[in-house]
N, C-alpha and C. Protein backbone atom coordinates (compact mmCIF):
# COMPACT_ATOMS: atom_id res chain seq x y z
N MET A 1 99.90 -66.48 136.45
CA MET A 1 99.08 -67.48 135.79
C MET A 1 97.60 -67.15 136.03
N THR A 2 96.83 -67.13 134.96
CA THR A 2 95.41 -66.84 135.04
C THR A 2 94.63 -68.14 134.97
N ILE A 3 93.72 -68.30 135.89
CA ILE A 3 92.86 -69.48 135.89
C ILE A 3 91.50 -69.04 135.38
N GLU A 4 91.08 -69.62 134.27
CA GLU A 4 89.77 -69.29 133.72
C GLU A 4 88.74 -70.27 134.27
N THR A 5 87.64 -69.72 134.70
CA THR A 5 86.54 -70.54 135.18
C THR A 5 85.47 -70.56 134.11
N GLN A 6 85.07 -71.73 133.72
CA GLN A 6 84.01 -71.85 132.73
C GLN A 6 82.67 -71.68 133.42
N HIS A 7 81.81 -70.92 132.79
CA HIS A 7 80.49 -70.69 133.36
C HIS A 7 79.43 -71.23 132.43
N PRO A 8 78.37 -71.74 132.95
CA PRO A 8 78.14 -71.95 134.37
C PRO A 8 79.01 -73.08 134.91
N THR A 9 79.38 -72.92 136.16
CA THR A 9 80.17 -73.96 136.83
C THR A 9 79.25 -75.16 137.11
N ALA A 10 79.85 -76.25 137.50
CA ALA A 10 79.07 -77.45 137.83
C ALA A 10 78.09 -77.17 138.97
N SER A 11 78.52 -76.43 139.98
CA SER A 11 77.62 -76.15 141.10
C SER A 11 76.51 -75.18 140.69
N GLU A 12 76.82 -74.23 139.82
CA GLU A 12 75.77 -73.32 139.33
C GLU A 12 74.75 -74.09 138.51
N ARG A 13 75.23 -74.97 137.66
CA ARG A 13 74.33 -75.79 136.83
C ARG A 13 73.46 -76.68 137.71
N PHE A 14 74.04 -77.29 138.73
CA PHE A 14 73.29 -78.13 139.66
C PHE A 14 72.17 -77.33 140.33
N PHE A 15 72.50 -76.13 140.81
CA PHE A 15 71.51 -75.30 141.47
C PHE A 15 70.39 -74.96 140.50
N TRP A 16 70.76 -74.54 139.26
CA TRP A 16 69.76 -74.20 138.25
C TRP A 16 68.86 -75.40 137.95
N ASP A 17 69.46 -76.55 137.74
CA ASP A 17 68.69 -77.75 137.41
C ASP A 17 67.72 -78.15 138.52
N ASN A 18 68.09 -77.90 139.76
CA ASN A 18 67.27 -78.32 140.89
C ASN A 18 66.26 -77.27 141.36
N PHE A 19 66.58 -76.01 141.18
CA PHE A 19 65.71 -74.96 141.72
C PHE A 19 65.11 -74.05 140.65
N GLY A 20 65.65 -74.05 139.44
CA GLY A 20 65.08 -73.28 138.35
C GLY A 20 65.47 -71.81 138.32
N TYR A 21 66.39 -71.41 139.15
CA TYR A 21 66.89 -70.04 139.13
C TYR A 21 68.32 -70.05 139.63
N LEU A 22 69.00 -68.94 139.43
CA LEU A 22 70.39 -68.85 139.84
C LEU A 22 70.66 -67.43 140.32
N VAL A 23 71.27 -67.30 141.47
CA VAL A 23 71.67 -66.00 142.02
C VAL A 23 73.17 -65.86 141.82
N LEU A 24 73.57 -64.81 141.13
CA LEU A 24 74.98 -64.58 140.86
C LEU A 24 75.40 -63.31 141.59
N ASP A 25 75.91 -63.45 142.79
CA ASP A 25 76.34 -62.31 143.60
C ASP A 25 77.43 -61.53 142.89
N SER A 26 77.33 -60.22 142.92
CA SER A 26 78.33 -59.32 142.35
C SER A 26 78.61 -59.61 140.88
N PHE A 27 77.61 -60.08 140.15
CA PHE A 27 77.78 -60.42 138.74
C PHE A 27 77.96 -59.17 137.89
N LEU A 28 77.19 -58.14 138.18
CA LEU A 28 77.27 -56.89 137.41
C LEU A 28 78.23 -55.93 138.09
N PRO A 29 79.06 -55.22 137.30
CA PRO A 29 79.94 -54.23 137.90
C PRO A 29 79.14 -53.07 138.49
N ALA A 30 79.68 -52.45 139.50
CA ALA A 30 78.96 -51.39 140.24
C ALA A 30 78.50 -50.26 139.33
N ASP A 31 79.30 -49.86 138.36
CA ASP A 31 78.89 -48.76 137.48
C ASP A 31 77.70 -49.14 136.62
N LEU A 32 77.60 -50.40 136.21
CA LEU A 32 76.45 -50.85 135.44
C LEU A 32 75.21 -50.92 136.32
N VAL A 33 75.36 -51.37 137.54
CA VAL A 33 74.24 -51.40 138.48
C VAL A 33 73.71 -49.98 138.69
N GLU A 34 74.62 -49.03 138.85
CA GLU A 34 74.22 -47.64 139.04
C GLU A 34 73.45 -47.13 137.83
N ARG A 35 73.94 -47.42 136.63
CA ARG A 35 73.23 -47.01 135.41
C ARG A 35 71.86 -47.65 135.32
N LEU A 36 71.77 -48.94 135.64
CA LEU A 36 70.48 -49.63 135.60
C LEU A 36 69.50 -49.05 136.60
N LEU A 37 69.98 -48.72 137.79
CA LEU A 37 69.10 -48.09 138.79
C LEU A 37 68.61 -46.73 138.33
N GLU A 38 69.50 -45.93 137.78
CA GLU A 38 69.10 -44.60 137.29
C GLU A 38 68.06 -44.71 136.18
N VAL A 39 68.31 -45.59 135.22
CA VAL A 39 67.37 -45.78 134.11
C VAL A 39 66.04 -46.31 134.64
N SER A 40 66.09 -47.28 135.53
CA SER A 40 64.86 -47.85 136.08
C SER A 40 64.04 -46.81 136.81
N GLU A 41 64.68 -45.99 137.62
CA GLU A 41 63.96 -44.94 138.36
C GLU A 41 63.33 -43.94 137.40
N ARG A 42 64.05 -43.57 136.35
CA ARG A 42 63.50 -42.64 135.36
C ARG A 42 62.31 -43.25 134.63
N VAL A 43 62.44 -44.50 134.21
CA VAL A 43 61.37 -45.18 133.49
C VAL A 43 60.14 -45.35 134.39
N ILE A 44 60.36 -45.73 135.63
CA ILE A 44 59.24 -45.89 136.57
C ILE A 44 58.51 -44.57 136.77
N ALA A 45 59.25 -43.48 136.95
CA ALA A 45 58.62 -42.16 137.13
C ALA A 45 57.80 -41.79 135.90
N LYS A 46 58.34 -42.05 134.71
CA LYS A 46 57.62 -41.73 133.47
C LYS A 46 56.37 -42.59 133.34
N ARG A 47 56.52 -43.89 133.59
CA ARG A 47 55.37 -44.80 133.48
C ARG A 47 54.29 -44.45 134.49
N ARG A 48 54.69 -44.12 135.73
CA ARG A 48 53.69 -43.74 136.74
C ARG A 48 52.92 -42.51 136.30
N ALA A 49 53.64 -41.51 135.78
CA ALA A 49 52.99 -40.28 135.33
C ALA A 49 52.03 -40.56 134.18
N GLN A 50 52.45 -41.38 133.24
CA GLN A 50 51.57 -41.73 132.12
C GLN A 50 50.32 -42.45 132.60
N LYS A 51 50.49 -43.39 133.49
CA LYS A 51 49.36 -44.16 134.01
C LYS A 51 48.41 -43.26 134.80
N GLU A 52 48.97 -42.40 135.65
CA GLU A 52 48.14 -41.52 136.47
C GLU A 52 47.39 -40.49 135.61
N GLN A 53 47.95 -40.13 134.46
CA GLN A 53 47.30 -39.18 133.56
C GLN A 53 46.39 -39.87 132.55
N GLY A 54 46.35 -41.19 132.61
CA GLY A 54 45.50 -41.96 131.71
C GLY A 54 46.04 -42.02 130.29
N LEU A 55 47.32 -41.76 130.11
CA LEU A 55 47.93 -41.80 128.79
C LEU A 55 48.32 -43.23 128.44
N SER A 56 48.13 -43.58 127.18
CA SER A 56 48.54 -44.92 126.77
C SER A 56 50.05 -44.94 126.60
N HIS A 57 50.62 -46.12 126.82
CA HIS A 57 52.06 -46.28 126.67
C HIS A 57 52.38 -47.72 126.36
N THR A 58 53.54 -47.93 125.80
CA THR A 58 53.99 -49.28 125.52
C THR A 58 54.28 -49.98 126.85
N GLY A 59 53.95 -51.23 126.93
CA GLY A 59 54.23 -51.98 128.14
C GLY A 59 53.04 -52.05 129.06
N MET A 60 53.30 -52.53 130.24
CA MET A 60 52.26 -52.68 131.25
C MET A 60 52.83 -52.16 132.56
N THR A 61 52.02 -51.40 133.28
CA THR A 61 52.46 -50.80 134.53
C THR A 61 51.44 -51.08 135.61
N HIS A 62 51.89 -51.61 136.73
CA HIS A 62 51.02 -51.85 137.89
C HIS A 62 51.51 -50.98 139.04
N ILE A 63 50.62 -50.15 139.55
CA ILE A 63 50.96 -49.27 140.67
C ILE A 63 50.13 -49.68 141.87
N ASN A 64 50.81 -49.83 143.00
CA ASN A 64 50.15 -50.15 144.26
C ASN A 64 50.82 -49.31 145.34
N GLY A 65 50.27 -48.13 145.60
CA GLY A 65 50.88 -47.22 146.55
C GLY A 65 52.22 -46.74 146.03
N ASP A 66 53.27 -46.95 146.82
CA ASP A 66 54.61 -46.54 146.40
C ASP A 66 55.29 -47.59 145.52
N SER A 67 54.68 -48.75 145.40
CA SER A 67 55.26 -49.83 144.63
C SER A 67 54.81 -49.75 143.17
N THR A 68 55.77 -49.91 142.26
CA THR A 68 55.47 -49.90 140.83
C THR A 68 56.14 -51.09 140.18
N ARG A 69 55.37 -51.84 139.44
CA ARG A 69 55.90 -52.96 138.66
C ARG A 69 55.74 -52.61 137.19
N ILE A 70 56.85 -52.70 136.45
CA ILE A 70 56.79 -52.40 135.03
C ILE A 70 57.13 -53.66 134.24
N PHE A 71 56.41 -53.86 133.15
CA PHE A 71 56.58 -55.02 132.30
C PHE A 71 56.83 -54.55 130.86
N TYR A 72 57.44 -55.40 130.06
CA TYR A 72 57.73 -55.09 128.66
C TYR A 72 58.55 -53.81 128.57
N ILE A 73 59.76 -53.87 129.09
CA ILE A 73 60.58 -52.67 129.29
C ILE A 73 61.59 -52.40 128.17
N LEU A 74 61.76 -53.31 127.23
CA LEU A 74 62.83 -53.18 126.26
C LEU A 74 62.75 -51.90 125.43
N ASP A 75 61.57 -51.38 125.19
CA ASP A 75 61.42 -50.14 124.42
C ASP A 75 61.60 -48.89 125.27
N ASP A 76 61.68 -49.04 126.57
CA ASP A 76 61.76 -47.87 127.45
C ASP A 76 63.13 -47.21 127.46
N ASP A 77 64.19 -47.97 127.27
CA ASP A 77 65.54 -47.41 127.27
C ASP A 77 66.47 -48.40 126.59
N PRO A 78 67.41 -47.91 125.78
CA PRO A 78 68.34 -48.81 125.09
C PRO A 78 69.16 -49.70 126.04
N LEU A 79 69.39 -49.25 127.26
CA LEU A 79 70.18 -50.06 128.19
C LEU A 79 69.50 -51.39 128.49
N PHE A 80 68.18 -51.39 128.58
CA PHE A 80 67.47 -52.65 128.83
C PHE A 80 67.71 -53.64 127.68
N LEU A 81 67.67 -53.14 126.45
CA LEU A 81 67.91 -53.99 125.29
C LEU A 81 69.36 -54.46 125.25
N GLU A 82 70.29 -53.59 125.61
CA GLU A 82 71.70 -53.97 125.66
C GLU A 82 71.93 -55.12 126.64
N MET A 83 71.19 -55.15 127.71
CA MET A 83 71.37 -56.21 128.71
C MET A 83 71.00 -57.59 128.17
N MET A 84 70.22 -57.63 127.09
CA MET A 84 69.84 -58.91 126.50
C MET A 84 71.03 -59.63 125.89
N THR A 85 72.08 -58.88 125.54
CA THR A 85 73.27 -59.48 124.94
C THR A 85 74.52 -59.14 125.75
N TYR A 86 74.37 -58.92 127.04
CA TYR A 86 75.48 -58.59 127.91
C TYR A 86 76.48 -59.76 127.88
N PRO A 87 77.70 -59.53 127.37
CA PRO A 87 78.65 -60.63 127.13
C PRO A 87 78.87 -61.60 128.30
N PRO A 88 79.07 -61.15 129.55
CA PRO A 88 79.26 -62.13 130.62
C PRO A 88 78.04 -63.02 130.89
N LEU A 89 76.88 -62.58 130.44
CA LEU A 89 75.66 -63.35 130.65
C LEU A 89 75.48 -64.46 129.62
N MET A 90 76.08 -64.29 128.44
CA MET A 90 75.84 -65.21 127.34
C MET A 90 76.15 -66.68 127.66
N PRO A 91 77.22 -67.01 128.39
CA PRO A 91 77.43 -68.43 128.70
C PRO A 91 76.30 -69.04 129.51
N TYR A 92 75.62 -68.22 130.30
CA TYR A 92 74.50 -68.74 131.09
C TYR A 92 73.26 -68.95 130.23
N ILE A 93 73.12 -68.15 129.21
CA ILE A 93 71.95 -68.26 128.34
C ILE A 93 72.11 -69.42 127.37
N THR A 94 73.30 -69.57 126.84
CA THR A 94 73.51 -70.61 125.83
C THR A 94 73.78 -71.94 126.50
């Protein structure tokens, strides 16, 4: 017998309503996390190089020593755009 859990659960909704964010441990499968890390590292390296060379690029990049913050990432790799419609996430968005 399979028990389906509707998401967000009552406790998840309560947390969201009271704190404005939600942490979903182990929400993404390990292989997807690995792909996201690989893509993020590649995009960060490219953005850092562009910024350091003074080249214009889509998005916004902030570099502070070894720390890099990237904004407006959807054009950097198709995986980022795919995450916008990641099926397990949709119940939380709607």
